[in-house]
Amino acid sequence: MTVRENEQRSAAALSSLIATLQAHPATAVDVSEHYSYRVVWSPDEQAFKGTVDEMPTLCWLAGEHTAALAGIRNRAREAVAEAVDGGRPPPEAFCSLGASRDPASVERPGLAEVVPVLVPVELYARLAASAREQQVEPHLLAISRLAGSREVALTELSERAAGRKRR
């Protein structure tokens, strides 16, 4: 996608969001205003990297910290507008969730049992951020921490799961 096409898409998404907010000012809320944003230095990219916890696939690279934050906030607004335009609900802000509703209910082949755990949203947000930094899924990091380890040993977890399956 060219820069011009990207700018046109961004402008259309923002126009749609503005129209929604103007049409329903009392009820329409830009949920991206309640999202959790983070900016870190990325040595690989040699730039500041802005991310949003509620949309882990989004990021924004910039030469300055404030530009990365502004960029990821704008990109999150665009993503919310695109979701609304497509008839999909945007991701709910972590702060509006009472607790993690589905922390481990997905069945995982090779793992013993699923133990649902309700986690305060603030704790889950920190867990998700730590998991992203370690490039693992939050449930694996939670399992590792429950076992008393500060870091996830993915190979150890998968070897244990495979060993249980063979027995």
N, C-alpha and C. Protein backbone atom coordinates (compact mmCIF):
# COMPACT_ATOMS: atom_id res chain seq x y z
N MET A 1 0.86 -1.17 0.00
CA MET A 1 0.00 0.00 0.00
C MET A 1 0.91 1.24 0.00
N THR A 2 0.62 2.17 -0.89
CA THR A 2 1.43 3.39 -0.97
C THR A 2 1.08 4.33 0.18
N VAL A 3 1.94 5.31 0.38
CA VAL A 3 1.71 6.29 1.44
C VAL A 3 0.40 7.03 1.17
N ARG A 4 0.17 7.37 -0.08
CA ARG A 4 -1.05 8.10 -0.43
C ARG A 4 -2.30 7.26 -0.15
N GLU A 5 -2.26 5.99 -0.52
CA GLU A 5 -3.40 5.10 -0.25
C GLU A 5 -3.63 4.95 1.25
N ASN A 6 -2.53 4.84 1.99
CA ASN A 6 -2.62 4.73 3.44
C ASN A 6 -3.24 5.98 4.05
N GLU A 7 -2.84 7.15 3.56
CA GLU A 7 -3.40 8.41 4.04
C GLU A 7 -4.88 8.51 3.70
N GLN A 8 -5.27 8.09 2.50
CA GLN A 8 -6.67 8.13 2.10
C GLN A 8 -7.51 7.19 2.98
N ARG A 9 -6.99 6.00 3.25
CA ARG A 9 -7.69 5.04 4.09
C ARG A 9 -7.85 5.59 5.51
N SER A 10 -6.78 6.20 6.02
CA SER A 10 -6.82 6.79 7.36
C SER A 10 -7.84 7.92 7.42
N ALA A 11 -7.84 8.76 6.41
CA ALA A 11 -8.78 9.89 6.38
C ALA A 11 -10.22 9.39 6.33
N ALA A 12 -10.48 8.36 5.54
CA ALA A 12 -11.84 7.80 5.45
C ALA A 12 -12.28 7.20 6.78
N ALA A 13 -11.38 6.47 7.43
CA ALA A 13 -11.72 5.85 8.72
C ALA A 13 -11.99 6.91 9.78
N LEU A 14 -11.16 7.94 9.81
CA LEU A 14 -11.37 9.01 10.79
C LEU A 14 -12.64 9.80 10.49
N SER A 15 -12.93 10.03 9.21
CA SER A 15 -14.17 10.73 8.85
C SER A 15 -15.39 9.95 9.32
N SER A 16 -15.34 8.64 9.16
CA SER A 16 -16.44 7.80 9.61
C SER A 16 -16.61 7.87 11.12
N LEU A 17 -15.50 7.83 11.85
CA LEU A 17 -15.56 7.92 13.30
C LEU A 17 -16.11 9.27 13.74
N ILE A 18 -15.67 10.34 13.10
CA ILE A 18 -16.16 11.68 13.43
C ILE A 18 -17.65 11.77 13.16
N ALA A 19 -18.10 11.23 12.02
CA ALA A 19 -19.53 11.25 11.69
C ALA A 19 -20.34 10.50 12.74
N THR A 20 -19.84 9.35 13.20
CA THR A 20 -20.53 8.58 14.23
C THR A 20 -20.61 9.37 15.53
N LEU A 21 -19.51 9.99 15.91
CA LEU A 21 -19.49 10.77 17.15
C LEU A 21 -20.42 11.98 17.06
N GLN A 22 -20.50 12.60 15.88
CA GLN A 22 -21.38 13.75 15.70
C GLN A 22 -22.84 13.33 15.68
N ALA A 23 -23.14 12.19 15.08
CA ALA A 23 -24.52 11.72 14.99
C ALA A 23 -25.06 11.28 16.35
N HIS A 24 -24.21 10.73 17.18
CA HIS A 24 -24.64 10.22 18.49
C HIS A 24 -23.68 10.72 19.57
N PRO A 25 -23.65 12.02 19.82
CA PRO A 25 -22.64 12.55 20.74
C PRO A 25 -22.76 12.04 22.17
N ALA A 26 -23.96 11.78 22.62
CA ALA A 26 -24.13 11.34 24.01
C ALA A 26 -23.80 9.86 24.19
N THR A 27 -24.02 9.07 23.15
CA THR A 27 -23.84 7.63 23.30
C THR A 27 -22.56 7.13 22.65
N ALA A 28 -22.06 7.82 21.65
CA ALA A 28 -20.87 7.35 20.94
C ALA A 28 -19.62 7.76 21.71
N VAL A 29 -18.81 6.79 22.02
CA VAL A 29 -17.56 7.04 22.71
C VAL A 29 -16.45 6.39 21.91
N ASP A 30 -15.38 7.11 21.72
CA ASP A 30 -14.22 6.53 21.05
C ASP A 30 -13.51 5.65 22.07
N VAL A 31 -13.74 4.34 21.98
CA VAL A 31 -13.18 3.43 22.98
C VAL A 31 -11.66 3.45 22.98
N SER A 32 -11.06 3.87 21.87
CA SER A 32 -9.60 3.90 21.82
C SER A 32 -9.02 4.90 22.83
N GLU A 33 -9.84 5.84 23.28
CA GLU A 33 -9.38 6.79 24.31
C GLU A 33 -9.14 6.08 25.64
N HIS A 34 -9.73 4.91 25.82
CA HIS A 34 -9.59 4.17 27.08
C HIS A 34 -8.60 3.03 26.98
N TYR A 35 -7.96 2.86 25.83
CA TYR A 35 -7.00 1.78 25.64
C TYR A 35 -5.70 2.07 26.40
N SER A 36 -4.91 1.03 26.58
CA SER A 36 -3.62 1.12 27.27
C SER A 36 -2.51 1.18 26.22
N TYR A 37 -1.79 2.28 26.21
CA TYR A 37 -0.73 2.49 25.24
C TYR A 37 0.63 2.39 25.91
N ARG A 38 1.63 2.01 25.11
CA ARG A 38 2.99 1.89 25.63
C ARG A 38 3.95 2.27 24.51
N VAL A 39 5.03 2.93 24.89
CA VAL A 39 6.08 3.28 23.94
C VAL A 39 7.40 2.79 24.51
N VAL A 40 8.13 2.01 23.73
CA VAL A 40 9.45 1.51 24.13
C VAL A 40 10.43 1.73 23.00
N TRP A 41 11.71 1.76 23.34
CA TRP A 41 12.75 1.86 22.33
C TRP A 41 12.96 0.48 21.74
N SER A 42 12.99 0.39 20.41
CA SER A 42 13.22 -0.87 19.73
C SER A 42 14.63 -0.85 19.14
N PRO A 43 15.56 -1.60 19.72
CA PRO A 43 16.92 -1.61 19.17
C PRO A 43 16.97 -2.20 17.76
N ASP A 44 16.08 -3.16 17.47
CA ASP A 44 16.06 -3.76 16.13
C ASP A 44 15.67 -2.73 15.07
N GLU A 45 14.70 -1.90 15.40
CA GLU A 45 14.19 -0.91 14.44
C GLU A 45 14.93 0.42 14.54
N GLN A 46 15.68 0.61 15.64
CA GLN A 46 16.35 1.89 15.92
C GLN A 46 15.34 3.03 15.90
N ALA A 47 14.20 2.77 16.56
CA ALA A 47 13.12 3.75 16.63
C ALA A 47 12.28 3.46 17.86
N PHE A 48 11.47 4.43 18.24
CA PHE A 48 10.50 4.21 19.32
C PHE A 48 9.32 3.45 18.73
N LYS A 49 8.85 2.46 19.47
CA LYS A 49 7.76 1.61 19.01
C LYS A 49 6.56 1.80 19.92
N GLY A 50 5.47 2.31 19.36
CA GLY A 50 4.23 2.48 20.11
C GLY A 50 3.34 1.28 19.90
N THR A 51 2.75 0.78 20.99
CA THR A 51 1.83 -0.36 20.91
C THR A 51 0.59 -0.06 21.75
N VAL A 52 -0.45 -0.83 21.49
CA VAL A 52 -1.69 -0.71 22.25
C VAL A 52 -2.05 -2.10 22.76
N ASP A 53 -2.22 -2.24 24.08
CA ASP A 53 -2.44 -3.55 24.69
C ASP A 53 -3.66 -4.27 24.12
N GLU A 54 -4.73 -3.53 23.85
CA GLU A 54 -5.97 -4.14 23.39
C GLU A 54 -5.89 -4.61 21.94
N MET A 55 -4.92 -4.13 21.19
CA MET A 55 -4.73 -4.53 19.79
C MET A 55 -3.27 -4.89 19.57
N PRO A 56 -2.85 -6.07 20.01
CA PRO A 56 -1.43 -6.41 19.98
C PRO A 56 -0.81 -6.50 18.59
N THR A 57 -1.61 -6.54 17.54
CA THR A 57 -1.03 -6.61 16.20
C THR A 57 -0.66 -5.23 15.66
N LEU A 58 -1.10 -4.17 16.33
CA LEU A 58 -0.80 -2.82 15.87
C LEU A 58 0.48 -2.30 16.51
N CYS A 59 1.25 -1.55 15.72
CA CYS A 59 2.39 -0.84 16.28
C CYS A 59 2.66 0.37 15.40
N TRP A 60 3.43 1.31 15.95
CA TRP A 60 3.79 2.51 15.21
C TRP A 60 5.23 2.86 15.54
N LEU A 61 6.06 2.99 14.52
CA LEU A 61 7.46 3.34 14.71
C LEU A 61 7.68 4.81 14.41
N ALA A 62 8.48 5.46 15.25
CA ALA A 62 8.78 6.88 15.04
C ALA A 62 10.14 7.20 15.66
N GLY A 63 10.70 8.28 15.21
CA GLY A 63 12.00 8.71 15.72
C GLY A 63 11.94 9.35 17.09
N GLU A 64 10.76 9.79 17.49
CA GLU A 64 10.60 10.43 18.80
C GLU A 64 9.52 9.71 19.60
N HIS A 65 9.70 9.74 20.90
CA HIS A 65 8.76 9.08 21.82
C HIS A 65 7.34 9.59 21.64
N THR A 66 7.18 10.91 21.62
CA THR A 66 5.84 11.49 21.51
C THR A 66 5.20 11.20 20.16
N ALA A 67 6.02 11.15 19.12
CA ALA A 67 5.49 10.83 17.78
C ALA A 67 5.01 9.38 17.72
N ALA A 68 5.71 8.48 18.41
CA ALA A 68 5.28 7.08 18.44
C ALA A 68 3.95 6.94 19.18
N LEU A 69 3.80 7.68 20.28
CA LEU A 69 2.54 7.64 21.03
C LEU A 69 1.40 8.22 20.20
N ALA A 70 1.63 9.37 19.58
CA ALA A 70 0.58 9.98 18.74
C ALA A 70 0.23 9.06 17.58
N GLY A 71 1.23 8.44 16.97
CA GLY A 71 1.00 7.56 15.84
C GLY A 71 0.17 6.33 16.20
N ILE A 72 0.50 5.68 17.32
CA ILE A 72 -0.25 4.48 17.69
C ILE A 72 -1.66 4.84 18.14
N ARG A 73 -1.83 5.99 18.76
CA ARG A 73 -3.19 6.41 19.15
C ARG A 73 -4.04 6.66 17.90
N ASN A 74 -3.46 7.31 16.90
CA ASN A 74 -4.19 7.54 15.64
C ASN A 74 -4.51 6.22 14.95
N ARG A 75 -3.54 5.30 14.93
CA ARG A 75 -3.75 4.01 14.27
C ARG A 75 -4.84 3.21 14.99
N ALA A 76 -4.88 3.30 16.32
CA ALA A 76 -5.93 2.61 17.08
C ALA A 76 -7.30 3.20 16.76
N ARG A 77 -7.37 4.54 16.65
CA ARG A 77 -8.64 5.19 16.28
C ARG A 77 -9.09 4.69 14.90
N GLU A 78 -8.15 4.62 13.97
CA GLU A 78 -8.48 4.13 12.62
C GLU A 78 -9.00 2.69 12.69
N ALA A 79 -8.34 1.85 13.47
CA ALA A 79 -8.75 0.45 13.58
C ALA A 79 -10.15 0.34 14.18
N VAL A 80 -10.45 1.18 15.17
CA VAL A 80 -11.80 1.19 15.76
C VAL A 80 -12.82 1.60 14.71
N ALA A 81 -12.51 2.67 13.96
CA ALA A 81 -13.42 3.14 12.92
C ALA A 81 -13.63 2.08 11.84
N GLU A 82 -12.55 1.39 11.45
CA GLU A 82 -12.66 0.33 10.44
C GLU A 82 -13.53 -0.81 10.96
N ALA A 83 -13.37 -1.16 12.22
CA ALA A 83 -14.19 -2.24 12.80
C ALA A 83 -15.66 -1.85 12.80
N VAL A 84 -15.95 -0.63 13.23
CA VAL A 84 -17.34 -0.15 13.27
C VAL A 84 -17.92 -0.11 11.87
N ASP A 85 -17.15 0.40 10.90
CA ASP A 85 -17.61 0.45 9.50
C ASP A 85 -17.89 -0.95 8.97
N GLY A 86 -17.10 -1.92 9.40
CA GLY A 86 -17.26 -3.30 8.94
C GLY A 86 -18.31 -4.07 9.73
N GLY A 87 -18.98 -3.40 10.67
CA GLY A 87 -20.01 -4.07 11.45
C GLY A 87 -19.49 -4.95 12.57
N ARG A 88 -18.20 -4.81 12.90
CA ARG A 88 -17.60 -5.60 13.97
C ARG A 88 -17.43 -4.72 15.21
N PRO A 89 -17.56 -5.30 16.38
CA PRO A 89 -17.33 -4.49 17.59
C PRO A 89 -15.83 -4.29 17.78
N PRO A 90 -15.42 -3.09 18.19
CA PRO A 90 -13.99 -2.88 18.45
C PRO A 90 -13.59 -3.59 19.75
N PRO A 91 -12.32 -3.85 19.93
CA PRO A 91 -11.89 -4.49 21.18
C PRO A 91 -12.30 -3.64 22.39
N GLU A 92 -12.72 -4.32 23.43
CA GLU A 92 -13.09 -3.62 24.66
C GLU A 92 -11.82 -3.18 25.39
N ALA A 93 -11.86 -2.01 25.98
CA ALA A 93 -10.72 -1.53 26.75
C ALA A 93 -10.55 -2.41 27.99
N PHE A 94 -9.30 -2.76 28.31
CA PHE A 94 -9.05 -3.60 29.48
C PHE A 94 -9.64 -2.99 30.74
N CYS A 95 -9.60 -1.66 30.84
CA CYS A 95 -10.09 -1.01 32.06
C CYS A 95 -11.60 -1.17 32.23
N SER A 96 -12.33 -1.48 31.16
CA SER A 96 -13.78 -1.64 31.28
C SER A 96 -14.18 -3.08 31.57
N LEU A 97 -13.23 -3.98 31.53
CA LEU A 97 -13.51 -5.38 31.86
C LEU A 97 -13.36 -5.57 33.36
N GLY A 98 -14.27 -6.29 33.96
CA GLY A 98 -14.17 -6.53 35.40
C GLY A 98 -13.04 -7.47 35.74
N ALA A 99 -12.88 -8.49 34.93
CA ALA A 99 -11.82 -9.47 35.12
C ALA A 99 -11.68 -10.22 33.82
N SER A 100 -10.60 -10.92 33.67
CA SER A 100 -10.39 -11.73 32.48
C SER A 100 -11.46 -12.81 32.45
N ARG A 101 -12.26 -12.84 31.41
CA ARG A 101 -13.39 -13.77 31.35
C ARG A 101 -13.00 -15.15 30.82
N ASP A 102 -11.98 -15.22 29.98
CA ASP A 102 -11.66 -16.47 29.32
C ASP A 102 -10.15 -16.68 29.32
N PRO A 103 -9.55 -16.79 30.48
CA PRO A 103 -8.10 -16.83 30.54
C PRO A 103 -7.49 -18.11 30.02
N ALA A 104 -8.18 -19.24 30.16
CA ALA A 104 -7.56 -20.49 29.76
C ALA A 104 -8.58 -21.52 29.34
N SER A 105 -9.68 -21.07 28.80
CA SER A 105 -10.75 -22.02 28.51
C SER A 105 -10.62 -22.68 27.14
N VAL A 106 -9.66 -22.26 26.35
CA VAL A 106 -9.45 -22.89 25.05
C VAL A 106 -8.68 -24.19 25.28
N GLU A 107 -9.20 -25.27 24.72
CA GLU A 107 -8.53 -26.55 24.89
C GLU A 107 -7.23 -26.56 24.11
N ARG A 108 -6.17 -26.99 24.75
CA ARG A 108 -4.86 -27.00 24.14
C ARG A 108 -4.37 -28.45 24.05
N PRO A 109 -4.14 -28.93 22.84
CA PRO A 109 -3.70 -30.32 22.69
C PRO A 109 -2.38 -30.55 23.43
N GLY A 110 -2.28 -31.68 24.11
CA GLY A 110 -1.05 -32.04 24.78
C GLY A 110 -0.90 -31.47 26.17
N LEU A 111 -1.81 -30.65 26.61
CA LEU A 111 -1.72 -30.09 27.96
C LEU A 111 -2.72 -30.79 28.85
N ALA A 112 -2.39 -30.90 30.12
CA ALA A 112 -3.18 -31.69 31.06
C ALA A 112 -4.61 -31.21 31.17
N GLU A 113 -4.85 -30.20 31.96
CA GLU A 113 -6.21 -29.72 32.19
C GLU A 113 -6.27 -28.23 31.99
N VAL A 114 -7.46 -27.76 31.76
CA VAL A 114 -7.70 -26.33 31.68
C VAL A 114 -8.24 -25.89 33.03
N VAL A 115 -7.57 -24.91 33.61
CA VAL A 115 -8.01 -24.38 34.90
C VAL A 115 -8.37 -22.92 34.69
N PRO A 116 -9.67 -22.61 34.66
CA PRO A 116 -10.04 -21.21 34.46
C PRO A 116 -9.67 -20.38 35.69
N VAL A 117 -9.07 -19.24 35.44
CA VAL A 117 -8.65 -18.34 36.51
C VAL A 117 -9.15 -16.95 36.18
N LEU A 118 -9.89 -16.35 37.11
CA LEU A 118 -10.32 -14.97 36.93
C LEU A 118 -9.24 -14.06 37.49
N VAL A 119 -8.83 -13.10 36.68
CA VAL A 119 -7.72 -12.23 37.03
C VAL A 119 -8.19 -10.79 36.98
N PRO A 120 -7.84 -9.97 37.98
CA PRO A 120 -8.18 -8.54 37.87
C PRO A 120 -7.58 -7.96 36.60
N VAL A 121 -8.31 -7.05 35.98
CA VAL A 121 -7.92 -6.55 34.68
C VAL A 121 -6.54 -5.88 34.70
N GLU A 122 -6.21 -5.20 35.79
CA GLU A 122 -4.90 -4.55 35.87
C GLU A 122 -3.78 -5.59 35.85
N LEU A 123 -3.99 -6.69 36.57
CA LEU A 123 -3.00 -7.76 36.60
C LEU A 123 -2.88 -8.41 35.22
N TYR A 124 -4.01 -8.63 34.56
CA TYR A 124 -3.97 -9.23 33.24
C TYR A 124 -3.26 -8.33 32.24
N ALA A 125 -3.48 -7.02 32.34
CA ALA A 125 -2.80 -6.09 31.44
C ALA A 125 -1.29 -6.16 31.63
N ARG A 126 -0.84 -6.24 32.89
CA ARG A 126 0.61 -6.37 33.14
C ARG A 126 1.13 -7.71 32.62
N LEU A 127 0.35 -8.77 32.83
CA LEU A 127 0.74 -10.09 32.35
C LEU A 127 0.84 -10.10 30.83
N ALA A 128 -0.15 -9.51 30.15
CA ALA A 128 -0.14 -9.47 28.69
C ALA A 128 1.06 -8.66 28.18
N ALA A 129 1.38 -7.55 28.85
CA ALA A 129 2.53 -6.74 28.44
C ALA A 129 3.83 -7.53 28.61
N SER A 130 3.97 -8.22 29.73
CA SER A 130 5.17 -9.04 29.97
C SER A 130 5.26 -10.17 28.94
N ALA A 131 4.13 -10.76 28.62
CA ALA A 131 4.12 -11.85 27.64
C ALA A 131 4.55 -11.35 26.27
N ARG A 132 4.07 -10.17 25.88
CA ARG A 132 4.49 -9.60 24.59
C ARG A 132 5.99 -9.35 24.56
N GLU A 133 6.53 -8.84 25.68
CA GLU A 133 7.97 -8.57 25.74
C GLU A 133 8.77 -9.86 25.59
N GLN A 134 8.25 -10.97 26.14
CA GLN A 134 8.94 -12.25 26.04
C GLN A 134 8.53 -13.04 24.80
N GLN A 135 7.61 -12.48 24.03
CA GLN A 135 7.12 -13.07 22.79
C GLN A 135 6.51 -14.46 23.02
N VAL A 136 5.65 -14.54 24.05
CA VAL A 136 4.92 -15.77 24.34
C VAL A 136 3.46 -15.41 24.58
N GLU A 137 2.62 -16.42 24.63
CA GLU A 137 1.21 -16.19 24.91
C GLU A 137 1.03 -15.95 26.41
N PRO A 138 0.08 -15.08 26.79
CA PRO A 138 -0.12 -14.79 28.22
C PRO A 138 -0.38 -16.03 29.07
N HIS A 139 -1.13 -17.01 28.53
CA HIS A 139 -1.43 -18.19 29.35
C HIS A 139 -0.17 -18.99 29.67
N LEU A 140 0.80 -19.03 28.73
CA LEU A 140 2.05 -19.74 29.00
C LEU A 140 2.87 -19.03 30.07
N LEU A 141 2.87 -17.70 30.02
CA LEU A 141 3.58 -16.94 31.04
C LEU A 141 2.92 -17.15 32.40
N ALA A 142 1.59 -17.18 32.44
CA ALA A 142 0.88 -17.41 33.70
C ALA A 142 1.21 -18.79 34.26
N ILE A 143 1.25 -19.81 33.41
CA ILE A 143 1.60 -21.16 33.85
C ILE A 143 3.01 -21.17 34.43
N SER A 144 3.92 -20.51 33.73
CA SER A 144 5.30 -20.45 34.18
C SER A 144 5.40 -19.78 35.54
N ARG A 145 4.67 -18.69 35.71
CA ARG A 145 4.72 -17.98 37.00
C ARG A 145 4.05 -18.78 38.11
N LEU A 146 2.99 -19.50 37.77
CA LEU A 146 2.37 -20.36 38.78
C LEU A 146 3.34 -21.45 39.23
N ALA A 147 4.19 -21.89 38.31
CA ALA A 147 5.18 -22.91 38.63
C ALA A 147 6.38 -22.34 39.37
N GLY A 148 6.44 -21.01 39.51
CA GLY A 148 7.51 -20.39 40.29
C GLY A 148 8.66 -19.84 39.47
N SER A 149 8.54 -19.85 38.17
CA SER A 149 9.61 -19.34 37.31
C SER A 149 9.28 -17.93 36.86
N ARG A 150 10.28 -17.07 36.70
CA ARG A 150 10.07 -15.71 36.22
C ARG A 150 10.08 -15.65 34.70
N GLU A 151 10.69 -16.62 34.05
CA GLU A 151 10.74 -16.64 32.59
C GLU A 151 10.09 -17.92 32.09
N VAL A 152 9.59 -17.86 30.88
CA VAL A 152 8.92 -19.02 30.31
C VAL A 152 9.94 -19.92 29.62
N ALA A 153 9.91 -21.18 29.97
CA ALA A 153 10.73 -22.16 29.27
C ALA A 153 9.80 -22.93 28.35
N LEU A 154 9.61 -22.40 27.16
CA LEU A 154 8.64 -22.98 26.23
C LEU A 154 8.98 -24.42 25.87
N THR A 155 10.26 -24.69 25.66
CA THR A 155 10.63 -26.05 25.28
C THR A 155 10.32 -27.02 26.41
N GLU A 156 10.55 -26.58 27.65
CA GLU A 156 10.25 -27.43 28.79
C GLU A 156 8.76 -27.71 28.89
N LEU A 157 7.94 -26.67 28.70
CA LEU A 157 6.48 -26.86 28.75
C LEU A 157 6.02 -27.82 27.65
N SER A 158 6.54 -27.64 26.44
CA SER A 158 6.09 -28.50 25.34
C SER A 158 6.61 -29.92 25.51
N GLU A 159 7.84 -30.08 26.06
CA GLU A 159 8.36 -31.42 26.30
C GLU A 159 7.53 -32.15 27.35
N ARG A 160 7.15 -31.43 28.40
CA ARG A 160 6.31 -32.04 29.43
C ARG A 160 4.97 -32.46 28.85
N ALA A 161 4.38 -31.59 28.03
CA ALA A 161 3.09 -31.90 27.43
C ALA A 161 3.20 -33.11 26.52
N ALA A 162 4.27 -33.19 25.74
CA ALA A 162 4.47 -34.32 24.83
C ALA A 162 4.70 -35.60 25.64
N GLY A 163 5.44 -35.51 26.74
CA GLY A 163 5.71 -36.68 27.59
C GLY A 163 4.44 -37.23 28.20
N ARG A 164 3.54 -36.35 28.62
CA ARG A 164 2.26 -36.79 29.20
C ARG A 164 1.42 -37.49 28.15
N LYS A 165 1.51 -37.01 26.93
CA LYS A 165 0.69 -37.56 25.86
C LYS A 165 1.13 -38.98 25.52
N ARG A 166 2.47 -39.25 25.57
CA ARG A 166 3.00 -40.56 25.21
C ARG A 166 2.68 -41.62 26.26
N ARG A 167 2.55 -41.22 27.50
CA ARG A 167 2.35 -42.21 28.58
C ARG A 167 1.02 -42.89 28.52
